[in-house]
């Protein structure tokens, strides 16, 4: 495992809502580097610097992950955590479905 790999990947929605797993500070940094300059904010700059620092071994990778998650949340990029996408693009919330199926009638 790369030293900049996240303990848990961050799933974001890209393009037309395609789920994309970001598994390391390097992948997060690449996404941030491609972010349109006109849309860059302080949250973007902090996340980019943190990811770069994690890649260089200057800060903990999970600290960089947290800044990337904050950036993704602020930009409405985070994919729902308790959902899975199935064939046809239908999103199923497995936790809620399980609760409904196991609820007393």
PDB file of N, CA and C in Angstrom:
ATOM      1  N   UNK A   1       0.847  -1.181   0.000  1.00  0.00           N
ATOM      2  CA  UNK A   1       0.000   0.000   0.000  1.00  0.00           C
ATOM      3  C   UNK A   1       0.889   1.240   0.000  1.00  0.00           C
ATOM      4  N   UNK A   2       0.563   2.181  -0.852  1.00  0.00           N
ATOM      5  CA  UNK A   2       1.246   3.462  -0.959  1.00  0.00           C
ATOM      6  C   UNK A   2       1.111   4.203   0.367  1.00  0.00           C
ATOM      7  N   UNK A   3       2.166   4.881   0.787  1.00  0.00           N
ATOM      8  CA  UNK A   3       2.107   5.582   2.073  1.00  0.00           C
ATOM      9  C   UNK A   3       1.076   6.707   2.071  1.00  0.00           C
ATOM     10  N   UNK A   4       0.657   7.150   0.889  1.00  0.00           N
ATOM     11  CA  UNK A   4      -0.352   8.204   0.836  1.00  0.00           C
ATOM     12  C   UNK A   4      -1.764   7.651   0.652  1.00  0.00           C
ATOM     13  N   UNK A   5      -1.921   6.319   0.751  1.00  0.00           N
ATOM     14  CA  UNK A   5      -3.252   5.713   0.601  1.00  0.00           C
ATOM     15  C   UNK A   5      -4.120   6.009   1.817  1.00  0.00           C
ATOM     16  N   UNK A   6      -5.400   6.267   1.560  1.00  0.00           N
ATOM     17  CA  UNK A   6      -6.348   6.500   2.638  1.00  0.00           C
ATOM     18  C   UNK A   6      -6.731   5.166   3.265  1.00  0.00           C
ATOM     19  N   UNK A   7      -7.013   5.174   4.573  1.00  0.00           N
ATOM     20  CA  UNK A   7      -7.492   3.957   5.233  1.00  0.00           C
ATOM     21  C   UNK A   7      -8.838   3.541   4.649  1.00  0.00           C
ATOM     22  N   UNK A   8      -9.677   4.521   4.331  1.00  0.00           N
ATOM     23  CA  UNK A   8     -10.988   4.270   3.727  1.00  0.00           C
ATOM     24  C   UNK A   8     -11.125   5.211   2.533  1.00  0.00           C
ATOM     25  N   UNK A   9     -11.409   4.682   1.345  1.00  0.00           N
ATOM     26  CA  UNK A   9     -11.554   5.553   0.173  1.00  0.00           C
ATOM     27  C   UNK A   9     -12.692   6.562   0.349  1.00  0.00           C
ATOM     28  N   UNK A  10     -12.588   7.659  -0.375  1.00  0.00           N
ATOM     29  CA  UNK A  10     -13.639   8.672  -0.407  1.00  0.00           C
ATOM     30  C   UNK A  10     -14.341   8.522  -1.752  1.00  0.00           C
ATOM     31  N   UNK A  11     -15.645   8.286  -1.731  1.00  0.00           N
ATOM     32  CA  UNK A  11     -16.387   8.155  -2.980  1.00  0.00           C
ATOM     33  C   UNK A  11     -17.071   9.479  -3.277  1.00  0.00           C
ATOM     34  N   UNK A  12     -16.745  10.018  -4.450  1.00  0.00           N
ATOM     35  CA  UNK A  12     -17.336  11.278  -4.888  1.00  0.00           C
ATOM     36  C   UNK A  12     -18.117  11.042  -6.172  1.00  0.00           C
ATOM     37  N   UNK A  13     -18.949  11.999  -6.518  1.00  0.00           N
ATOM     38  CA  UNK A  13     -19.701  11.937  -7.765  1.00  0.00           C
ATOM     39  C   UNK A  13     -19.051  12.888  -8.759  1.00  0.00           C
ATOM     40  N   UNK A  14     -18.660  12.361  -9.912  1.00  0.00           N
ATOM     41  CA  UNK A  14     -18.010  13.174 -10.936  1.00  0.00           C
ATOM     42  C   UNK A  14     -18.844  13.168 -12.211  1.00  0.00           C
ATOM     43  N   UNK A  15     -18.536  14.082 -13.091  1.00  0.00           N
ATOM     44  CA  UNK A  15     -19.221  14.128 -14.381  1.00  0.00           C
ATOM     45  C   UNK A  15     -20.724  14.199 -14.221  1.00  0.00           C
ATOM     46  N   UNK A  16     -21.413  13.221 -14.769  1.00  0.00           N
ATOM     47  CA  UNK A  16     -22.873  13.168 -14.701  1.00  0.00           C
ATOM     48  C   UNK A  16     -23.345  12.334 -13.517  1.00  0.00           C
ATOM     49  N   UNK A  17     -22.633  12.445 -12.398  1.00  0.00           N
ATOM     50  CA  UNK A  17     -23.011  11.713 -11.195  1.00  0.00           C
ATOM     51  C   UNK A  17     -22.404  10.335 -11.092  1.00  0.00           C
ATOM     52  N   UNK A  18     -21.306  10.114 -11.795  1.00  0.00           N
ATOM     53  CA  UNK A  18     -20.625   8.828 -11.763  1.00  0.00           C
ATOM     54  C   UNK A  18     -19.849   8.678 -10.456  1.00  0.00           C
ATOM     55  N   UNK A  19     -20.109   7.624  -9.673  1.00  0.00           N
ATOM     56  CA  UNK A  19     -19.332   7.415  -8.446  1.00  0.00           C
ATOM     57  C   UNK A  19     -17.868   7.116  -8.783  1.00  0.00           C
ATOM     58  N   UNK A  20     -16.973   7.817  -8.115  1.00  0.00           N
ATOM     59  CA  UNK A  20     -15.536   7.653  -8.323  1.00  0.00           C
ATOM     60  C   UNK A  20     -14.865   7.512  -6.972  1.00  0.00           C
ATOM     61  N   UNK A  21     -14.084   6.441  -6.813  1.00  0.00           N
ATOM     62  CA  UNK A  21     -13.371   6.208  -5.548  1.00  0.00           C
ATOM     63  C   UNK A  21     -12.020   6.910  -5.581  1.00  0.00           C
ATOM     64  N   UNK A  22     -11.790   7.743  -4.592  1.00  0.00           N
ATOM     65  CA  UNK A  22     -10.502   8.404  -4.411  1.00  0.00           C
ATOM     66  C   UNK A  22      -9.826   7.658  -3.271  1.00  0.00           C
ATOM     67  N   UNK A  23      -8.732   6.963  -3.585  1.00  0.00           N
ATOM     68  CA  UNK A  23      -8.118   6.053  -2.618  1.00  0.00           C
ATOM     69  C   UNK A  23      -6.830   6.558  -1.992  1.00  0.00           C
ATOM     70  N   UNK A  24      -6.345   7.713  -2.431  1.00  0.00           N
ATOM     71  CA  UNK A  24      -5.077   8.193  -1.883  1.00  0.00           C
ATOM     72  C   UNK A  24      -4.985   9.708  -1.973  1.00  0.00           C
ATOM     73  N   UNK A  25      -4.013  10.243  -1.250  1.00  0.00           N
ATOM     74  CA  UNK A  25      -3.751  11.676  -1.321  1.00  0.00           C
ATOM     75  C   UNK A  25      -3.332  12.064  -2.735  1.00  0.00           C
ATOM     76  N   UNK A  26      -2.625  11.173  -3.420  1.00  0.00           N
ATOM     77  CA  UNK A  26      -2.193  11.461  -4.791  1.00  0.00           C
ATOM     78  C   UNK A  26      -3.395  11.572  -5.729  1.00  0.00           C
ATOM     79  N   UNK A  27      -4.373  10.683  -5.587  1.00  0.00           N
ATOM     80  CA  UNK A  27      -5.574  10.759  -6.422  1.00  0.00           C
ATOM     81  C   UNK A  27      -6.387  12.008  -6.099  1.00  0.00           C
ATOM     82  N   UNK A  28      -6.488  12.336  -4.818  1.00  0.00           N
ATOM     83  CA  UNK A  28      -7.209  13.547  -4.423  1.00  0.00           C
ATOM     84  C   UNK A  28      -6.499  14.778  -4.975  1.00  0.00           C
ATOM     85  N   UNK A  29      -5.177  14.776  -4.879  1.00  0.00           N
ATOM     86  CA  UNK A  29      -4.400  15.911  -5.383  1.00  0.00           C
ATOM     87  C   UNK A  29      -4.580  16.075  -6.893  1.00  0.00           C
ATOM     88  N   UNK A  30      -4.605  14.969  -7.619  1.00  0.00           N
ATOM     89  CA  UNK A  30      -4.797  15.029  -9.074  1.00  0.00           C
ATOM     90  C   UNK A  30      -6.155  15.651  -9.409  1.00  0.00           C
ATOM     91  N   UNK A  31      -7.195  15.249  -8.678  1.00  0.00           N
ATOM     92  CA  UNK A  31      -8.514  15.832  -8.907  1.00  0.00           C
ATOM     93  C   UNK A  31      -8.493  17.326  -8.597  1.00  0.00           C
ATOM     94  N   UNK A  32      -7.868  17.690  -7.490  1.00  0.00           N
ATOM     95  CA  UNK A  32      -7.801  19.097  -7.096  1.00  0.00           C
ATOM     96  C   UNK A  32      -6.982  19.923  -8.090  1.00  0.00           C
ATOM     97  N   UNK A  33      -5.929  19.331  -8.638  1.00  0.00           N
ATOM     98  CA  UNK A  33      -5.096  20.036  -9.619  1.00  0.00           C
ATOM     99  C   UNK A  33      -5.869  20.310 -10.907  1.00  0.00           C
ATOM    100  N   UNK A  34      -6.825  19.433 -11.229  1.00  0.00           N
ATOM    101  CA  UNK A  34      -7.640  19.601 -12.438  1.00  0.00           C
ATOM    102  C   UNK A  34      -8.864  20.488 -12.215  1.00  0.00           C
ATOM    103  N   UNK A  35      -9.096  20.889 -10.972  1.00  0.00           N
ATOM    104  CA  UNK A  35     -10.266  21.702 -10.654  1.00  0.00           C
ATOM    105  C   UNK A  35     -10.165  23.043 -11.380  1.00  0.00           C
ATOM    106  N   UNK A  36     -11.249  23.549 -11.961  1.00  0.00           N
ATOM    107  CA  UNK A  36     -11.192  24.825 -12.689  1.00  0.00           C
ATOM    108  C   UNK A  36     -10.693  25.966 -11.802  1.00  0.00           C
ATOM    109  N   UNK A  37      -9.747  26.717 -12.311  1.00  0.00           N
ATOM    110  CA  UNK A  37      -9.156  27.816 -11.529  1.00  0.00           C
ATOM    111  C   UNK A  37     -10.206  28.804 -11.026  1.00  0.00           C
ATOM    112  N   UNK A  38     -11.184  29.105 -11.848  1.00  0.00           N
ATOM    113  CA  UNK A  38     -12.214  30.076 -11.465  1.00  0.00           C
ATOM    114  C   UNK A  38     -13.076  29.583 -10.303  1.00  0.00           C
ATOM    115  N   UNK A  39     -13.089  28.281 -10.054  1.00  0.00           N
ATOM    116  CA  UNK A  39     -13.917  27.704  -8.989  1.00  0.00           C
ATOM    117  C   UNK A  39     -13.125  27.367  -7.731  1.00  0.00           C
ATOM    118  N   UNK A  40     -11.852  27.672  -7.723  1.00  0.00           N
ATOM    119  CA  UNK A  40     -11.024  27.342  -6.554  1.00  0.00           C
ATOM    120  C   UNK A  40     -11.297  28.306  -5.407  1.00  0.00           C
ATOM    121  N   UNK A  41     -11.415  27.726  -4.224  1.00  0.00           N
ATOM    122  CA  UNK A  41     -11.709  28.488  -3.007  1.00  0.00           C
ATOM    123  C   UNK A  41     -10.631  28.200  -1.968  1.00  0.00           C
ATOM    124  N   UNK A  42     -10.790  28.792  -0.791  1.00  0.00           N
ATOM    125  CA  UNK A  42      -9.861  28.516   0.303  1.00  0.00           C
ATOM    126  C   UNK A  42      -9.899  27.032   0.671  1.00  0.00           C
ATOM    127  N   UNK A  43     -11.085  26.421   0.649  1.00  0.00           N
ATOM    128  CA  UNK A  43     -11.206  24.986   0.961  1.00  0.00           C
ATOM    129  C   UNK A  43     -10.411  24.155  -0.041  1.00  0.00           C
ATOM    130  N   UNK A  44     -10.446  24.546  -1.297  1.00  0.00           N
ATOM    131  CA  UNK A  44      -9.673  23.862  -2.341  1.00  0.00           C
ATOM    132  C   UNK A  44      -8.181  23.980  -2.046  1.00  0.00           C
ATOM    133  N   UNK A  45      -7.732  25.199  -1.760  1.00  0.00           N
ATOM    134  CA  UNK A  45      -6.305  25.423  -1.506  1.00  0.00           C
ATOM    135  C   UNK A  45      -5.809  24.628  -0.305  1.00  0.00           C
ATOM    136  N   UNK A  46      -6.600  24.607   0.761  1.00  0.00           N
ATOM    137  CA  UNK A  46      -6.215  23.859   1.964  1.00  0.00           C
ATOM    138  C   UNK A  46      -6.126  22.371   1.658  1.00  0.00           C
ATOM    139  N   UNK A  47      -7.129  21.838   0.961  1.00  0.00           N
ATOM    140  CA  UNK A  47      -7.130  20.408   0.625  1.00  0.00           C
ATOM    141  C   UNK A  47      -5.953  20.058  -0.284  1.00  0.00           C
ATOM    142  N   UNK A  48      -5.678  20.892  -1.273  1.00  0.00           N
ATOM    143  CA  UNK A  48      -4.563  20.627  -2.193  1.00  0.00           C
ATOM    144  C   UNK A  48      -3.229  20.637  -1.445  1.00  0.00           C
ATOM    145  N   UNK A  49      -3.037  21.621  -0.575  1.00  0.00           N
ATOM    146  CA  UNK A  49      -1.786  21.700   0.195  1.00  0.00           C
ATOM    147  C   UNK A  49      -1.652  20.503   1.137  1.00  0.00           C
ATOM    148  N   UNK A  50      -2.755  20.098   1.755  1.00  0.00           N
ATOM    149  CA  UNK A  50      -2.715  18.953   2.669  1.00  0.00           C
ATOM    150  C   UNK A  50      -2.393  17.665   1.919  1.00  0.00           C
ATOM    151  N   UNK A  51      -3.005  17.474   0.759  1.00  0.00           N
ATOM    152  CA  UNK A  51      -2.735  16.261  -0.029  1.00  0.00           C
ATOM    153  C   UNK A  51      -1.282  16.235  -0.489  1.00  0.00           C
ATOM    154  N   UNK A  52      -0.780  17.371  -0.925  1.00  0.00           N
ATOM    155  CA  UNK A  52       0.625  17.453  -1.355  1.00  0.00           C
ATOM    156  C   UNK A  52       1.544  17.137  -0.169  1.00  0.00           C
ATOM    157  N   UNK A  53       1.235  17.691   1.005  1.00  0.00           N
ATOM    158  CA  UNK A  53       2.048  17.444   2.198  1.00  0.00           C
ATOM    159  C   UNK A  53       2.008  15.969   2.597  1.00  0.00           C
ATOM    160  N   UNK A  54       0.858  15.326   2.464  1.00  0.00           N
ATOM    161  CA  UNK A  54       0.757  13.890   2.770  1.00  0.00           C
ATOM    162  C   UNK A  54       1.588  13.080   1.783  1.00  0.00           C
ATOM    163  N   UNK A  55       1.561  13.454   0.521  1.00  0.00           N
ATOM    164  CA  UNK A  55       2.359  12.762  -0.489  1.00  0.00           C
ATOM    165  C   UNK A  55       3.852  12.883  -0.184  1.00  0.00           C
ATOM    166  N   UNK A  56       4.240  14.019   0.388  1.00  0.00           N
ATOM    167  CA  UNK A  56       5.644  14.257   0.731  1.00  0.00           C
ATOM    168  C   UNK A  56       6.018  13.710   2.106  1.00  0.00           C
ATOM    169  N   UNK A  57       5.038  13.116   2.808  1.00  0.00           N
ATOM    170  CA  UNK A  57       5.296  12.552   4.127  1.00  0.00           C
ATOM    171  C   UNK A  57       5.379  13.582   5.232  1.00  0.00           C
ATOM    172  N   UNK A  58       4.891  14.794   4.976  1.00  0.00           N
ATOM    173  CA  UNK A  58       4.978  15.873   5.961  1.00  0.00           C
ATOM    174  C   UNK A  58       3.825  15.874   6.958  1.00  0.00           C
ATOM    175  N   UNK A  59       2.675  15.337   6.549  1.00  0.00           N
ATOM    176  CA  UNK A  59       1.531  15.235   7.461  1.00  0.00           C
ATOM    177  C   UNK A  59       0.904  13.855   7.311  1.00  0.00           C
ATOM    178  N   UNK A  60       0.086  13.504   8.277  1.00  0.00           N
ATOM    179  CA  UNK A  60      -0.619  12.227   8.273  1.00  0.00           C
ATOM    180  C   UNK A  60      -1.605  12.173   7.105  1.00  0.00           C
ATOM    181  N   UNK A  61      -1.668  11.039   6.450  1.00  0.00           N
ATOM    182  CA  UNK A  61      -2.557  10.863   5.304  1.00  0.00           C
ATOM    183  C   UNK A  61      -4.019  11.068   5.680  1.00  0.00           C
ATOM    184  N   UNK A  62      -4.415  10.651   6.870  1.00  0.00           N
ATOM    185  CA  UNK A  62      -5.813  10.802   7.275  1.00  0.00           C
ATOM    186  C   UNK A  62      -6.183  12.265   7.520  1.00  0.00           C
ATOM    187  N   UNK A  63      -5.200  13.093   7.855  1.00  0.00           N
ATOM    188  CA  UNK A  63      -5.452  14.533   7.958  1.00  0.00           C
ATOM    189  C   UNK A  63      -5.757  15.092   6.577  1.00  0.00           C
ATOM    190  N   UNK A  64      -4.987  14.666   5.585  1.00  0.00           N
ATOM    191  CA  UNK A  64      -5.239  15.091   4.204  1.00  0.00           C
ATOM    192  C   UNK A  64      -6.603  14.598   3.743  1.00  0.00           C
ATOM    193  N   UNK A  65      -6.943  13.367   4.106  1.00  0.00           N
ATOM    194  CA  UNK A  65      -8.252  12.815   3.732  1.00  0.00           C
ATOM    195  C   UNK A  65      -9.366  13.679   4.301  1.00  0.00           C
ATOM    196  N   UNK A  66      -9.231  14.079   5.563  1.00  0.00           N
ATOM    197  CA  UNK A  66     -10.264  14.899   6.204  1.00  0.00           C
ATOM    198  C   UNK A  66     -10.438  16.238   5.492  1.00  0.00           C
ATOM    199  N   UNK A  67      -9.340  16.849   5.060  1.00  0.00           N
ATOM    200  CA  UNK A  67      -9.461  18.120   4.341  1.00  0.00           C
ATOM    201  C   UNK A  67     -10.098  17.907   2.968  1.00  0.00           C
ATOM    202  N   UNK A  68      -9.792  16.769   2.328  1.00  0.00           N
ATOM    203  CA  UNK A  68     -10.400  16.472   1.033  1.00  0.00           C
ATOM    204  C   UNK A  68     -11.896  16.216   1.189  1.00  0.00           C
ATOM    205  N   UNK A  69     -12.281  15.493   2.237  1.00  0.00           N
ATOM    206  CA  UNK A  69     -13.702  15.240   2.501  1.00  0.00           C
ATOM    207  C   UNK A  69     -14.431  16.568   2.733  1.00  0.00           C
ATOM    208  N   UNK A  70     -13.813  17.476   3.487  1.00  0.00           N
ATOM    209  CA  UNK A  70     -14.431  18.785   3.730  1.00  0.00           C
ATOM    210  C   UNK A  70     -14.618  19.544   2.416  1.00  0.00           C
ATOM    211  N   UNK A  71     -13.608  19.504   1.552  1.00  0.00           N
ATOM    212  CA  UNK A  71     -13.708  20.141   0.233  1.00  0.00           C
ATOM    213  C   UNK A  71     -14.835  19.506  -0.578  1.00  0.00           C
ATOM    214  N   UNK A  72     -14.877  18.172  -0.609  1.00  0.00           N
ATOM    215  CA  UNK A  72     -15.897  17.463  -1.385  1.00  0.00           C
ATOM    216  C   UNK A  72     -17.296  17.762  -0.854  1.00  0.00           C
ATOM    217  N   UNK A  73     -17.437  17.798   0.455  1.00  0.00           N
ATOM    218  CA  UNK A  73     -18.743  18.095   1.062  1.00  0.00           C
ATOM    219  C   UNK A  73     -19.180  19.516   0.700  1.00  0.00           C
ATOM    220  N   UNK A  74     -18.263  20.460   0.797  1.00  0.00           N
ATOM    221  CA  UNK A  74     -18.566  21.864   0.505  1.00  0.00           C
ATOM    222  C   UNK A  74     -18.994  22.052  -0.949  1.00  0.00           C
ATOM    223  N   UNK A  75     -18.494  21.193  -1.825  1.00  0.00           N
ATOM    224  CA  UNK A  75     -18.796  21.293  -3.253  1.00  0.00           C
ATOM    225  C   UNK A  75     -19.832  20.267  -3.716  1.00  0.00           C
ATOM    226  N   UNK A  76     -20.531  19.656  -2.761  1.00  0.00           N
ATOM    227  CA  UNK A  76     -21.587  18.668  -3.058  1.00  0.00           C
ATOM    228  C   UNK A  76     -21.103  17.539  -3.958  1.00  0.00           C
ATOM    229  N   UNK A  77     -19.912  17.032  -3.670  1.00  0.00           N
ATOM    230  CA  UNK A  77     -19.335  15.945  -4.459  1.00  0.00           C
ATOM    231  C   UNK A  77     -19.440  14.590  -3.776  1.00  0.00           C
ATOM    232  N   UNK A  78     -19.668  14.563  -2.468  1.00  0.00           N
ATOM    233  CA  UNK A  78     -19.671  13.295  -1.738  1.00  0.00           C
ATOM    234  C   UNK A  78     -20.834  12.414  -2.164  1.00  0.00           C
ATOM    235  N   UNK A  79     -20.526  11.164  -2.432  1.00  0.00           N
ATOM    236  CA  UNK A  79     -21.569  10.183  -2.747  1.00  0.00           C
ATOM    237  C   UNK A  79     -22.205   9.731  -1.439  1.00  0.00           C
ATOM    238  N   UNK A  80     -23.480   9.340  -1.469  1.00  0.00           N
ATOM    239  CA  UNK A  80     -24.122   8.821  -0.253  1.00  0.00           C
ATOM    240  C   UNK A  80     -23.346   7.615   0.270  1.00  0.00           C
ATOM    241  N   UNK A  81     -23.069   7.581   1.568  1.00  0.00           N
ATOM    242  CA  UNK A  81     -22.246   6.517   2.146  1.00  0.00           C
ATOM    243  C   UNK A  81     -22.982   5.203   2.327  1.00  0.00           C
ATOM    244  N   UNK A  82     -24.270   5.237   2.566  1.00  0.00           N
ATOM    245  CA  UNK A  82     -24.987   3.994   2.859  1.00  0.00           C
ATOM    246  C   UNK A  82     -25.701   3.438   1.639  1.00  0.00           C
ATOM    247  N   UNK A  83     -25.382   3.954   0.477  1.00  0.00           N
ATOM    248  CA  UNK A  83     -26.072   3.514  -0.728  1.00  0.00           C
ATOM    249  C   UNK A  83     -25.141   2.741  -1.632  1.00  0.00           C
ATOM    250  N   UNK A  84     -25.734   1.883  -2.429  1.00  0.00           N
ATOM    251  CA  UNK A  84     -25.000   1.145  -3.445  1.00  0.00           C
ATOM    252  C   UNK A  84     -25.711   1.340  -4.772  1.00  0.00           C
ATOM    253  N   UNK A  85     -24.938   1.465  -5.835  1.00  0.00           N
ATOM    254  CA  UNK A  85     -25.526   1.598  -7.154  1.00  0.00           C
ATOM    255  C   UNK A  85     -25.591   0.219  -7.784  1.00  0.00           C
ATOM    256  N   UNK A  86     -26.742  -0.115  -8.339  1.00  0.00           N
ATOM    257  CA  UNK A  86     -26.925  -1.411  -8.985  1.00  0.00           C
ATOM    258  C   UNK A  86     -27.141  -1.188 -10.472  1.00  0.00           C
ATOM    259  N   UNK A  87     -27.206  -2.270 -11.228  1.00  0.00           N
ATOM    260  CA  UNK A  87     -27.404  -2.169 -12.673  1.00  0.00           C
ATOM    261  C   UNK A  87     -28.594  -1.274 -12.978  1.00  0.00           C
ATOM    262  N   UNK A  88     -28.436  -0.437 -13.965  1.00  0.00           N
ATOM    263  CA  UNK A  88     -29.505   0.475 -14.343  1.00  0.00           C
ATOM    264  C   UNK A  88     -29.411   1.802 -13.629  1.00  0.00           C
ATOM    265  N   UNK A  89     -28.434   1.952 -12.734  1.00  0.00           N
ATOM    266  CA  UNK A  89     -28.221   3.220 -12.066  1.00  0.00           C
ATOM    267  C   UNK A  89     -29.127   3.475 -10.875  1.00  0.00           C
ATOM    268  N   UNK A  90     -29.904   2.491 -10.437  1.00  0.00           N
ATOM    269  CA  UNK A  90     -30.777   2.665  -9.287  1.00  0.00           C
ATOM    270  C   UNK A  90     -29.941   2.652  -8.020  1.00  0.00           C
ATOM    271  N   UNK A  91     -30.177   3.621  -7.149  1.00  0.00           N
ATOM    272  CA  UNK A  91     -29.449   3.683  -5.888  1.00  0.00           C
ATOM    273  C   UNK A  91     -30.342   3.115  -4.798  1.00  0.00           C
ATOM    274  N   UNK A  92     -29.812   2.153  -4.069  1.00  0.00           N
ATOM    275  CA  UNK A  92     -30.566   1.506  -2.996  1.00  0.00           C
ATOM    276  C   UNK A  92     -29.888   1.816  -1.671  1.00  0.00           C
ATOM    277  N   UNK A  93     -30.651   2.317  -0.721  1.00  0.00           N
ATOM    278  CA  UNK A  93     -30.147   2.556   0.620  1.00  0.00           C
ATOM    279  C   UNK A  93     -30.352   1.264   1.398  1.00  0.00           C
ATOM    280  N   UNK A  94     -29.294   0.470   1.507  1.00  0.00           N
ATOM    281  CA  UNK A  94     -29.398  -0.864   2.101  1.00  0.00           C
ATOM    282  C   UNK A  94     -29.775  -0.822   3.569  1.00  0.00           C
ATOM    283  N   UNK A  95     -29.282   0.164   4.312  1.00  0.00           N
ATOM    284  CA  UNK A  95     -29.603   0.235   5.738  1.00  0.00           C
ATOM    285  C   UNK A  95     -31.095   0.479   5.940  1.00  0.00           C
ATOM    286  N   UNK A  96     -31.672   1.415   5.211  1.00  0.00           N
ATOM    287  CA  UNK A  96     -33.096   1.719   5.335  1.00  0.00           C
ATOM    288  C   UNK A  96     -33.937   0.551   4.856  1.00  0.00           C
ATOM    289  N   UNK A  97     -33.556  -0.068   3.745  1.00  0.00           N
ATOM    290  CA  UNK A  97     -34.298  -1.203   3.200  1.00  0.00           C
ATOM    291  C   UNK A  97     -34.326  -2.347   4.216  1.00  0.00           C
ATOM    292  N   UNK A  98     -33.200  -2.624   4.838  1.00  0.00           N
ATOM    293  CA  UNK A  98     -33.114  -3.699   5.821  1.00  0.00           C
ATOM    294  C   UNK A  98     -34.013  -3.415   7.020  1.00  0.00           C
ATOM    295  N   UNK A  99     -34.043  -2.166   7.471  1.00  0.00           N
ATOM    296  CA  UNK A  99     -34.890  -1.806   8.604  1.00  0.00           C
ATOM    297  C   UNK A  99     -36.360  -2.005   8.264  1.00  0.00           C
ATOM    298  N   UNK A 100     -36.753  -1.627   7.036  1.00  0.00           N
ATOM    299  CA  UNK A 100     -38.153  -1.789   6.624  1.00  0.00           C
ATOM    300  C   UNK A 100     -38.530  -3.261   6.546  1.00  0.00           C
ATOM    301  N   UNK A 101     -37.636  -4.088   6.019  1.00  0.00           N
ATOM    302  CA  UNK A 101     -37.930  -5.510   5.863  1.00  0.00           C
ATOM    303  C   UNK A 101     -38.026  -6.228   7.203  1.00  0.00           C
ATOM    304  N   UNK A 102     -37.271  -5.758   8.188  1.00  0.00           N
ATOM    305  CA  UNK A 102     -37.245  -6.413   9.491  1.00  0.00           C
ATOM    306  C   UNK A 102     -38.208  -5.793  10.500  1.00  0.00           C
ATOM    307  N   UNK A 103     -38.928  -4.743  10.093  1.00  0.00           N
ATOM    308  CA  UNK A 103     -39.854  -4.072  11.010  1.00  0.00           C
ATOM    309  C   UNK A 103     -41.087  -4.947  11.234  1.00  0.00           C
ATOM    310  N   UNK A 104     -41.622  -4.931  12.467  1.00  0.00           N
ATOM    311  CA  UNK A 104     -42.845  -5.695  12.729  1.00  0.00           C
ATOM    312  C   UNK A 104     -44.005  -5.134  11.907  1.00  0.00           C
ATOM    313  N   UNK A 105     -44.887  -6.011  11.486  1.00  0.00           N
ATOM    314  CA  UNK A 105     -46.022  -5.609  10.628  1.00  0.00           C
ATOM    315  C   UNK A 105     -47.102  -4.913  11.397  1.00  0.00           C
TER     316      UNK A 105
END
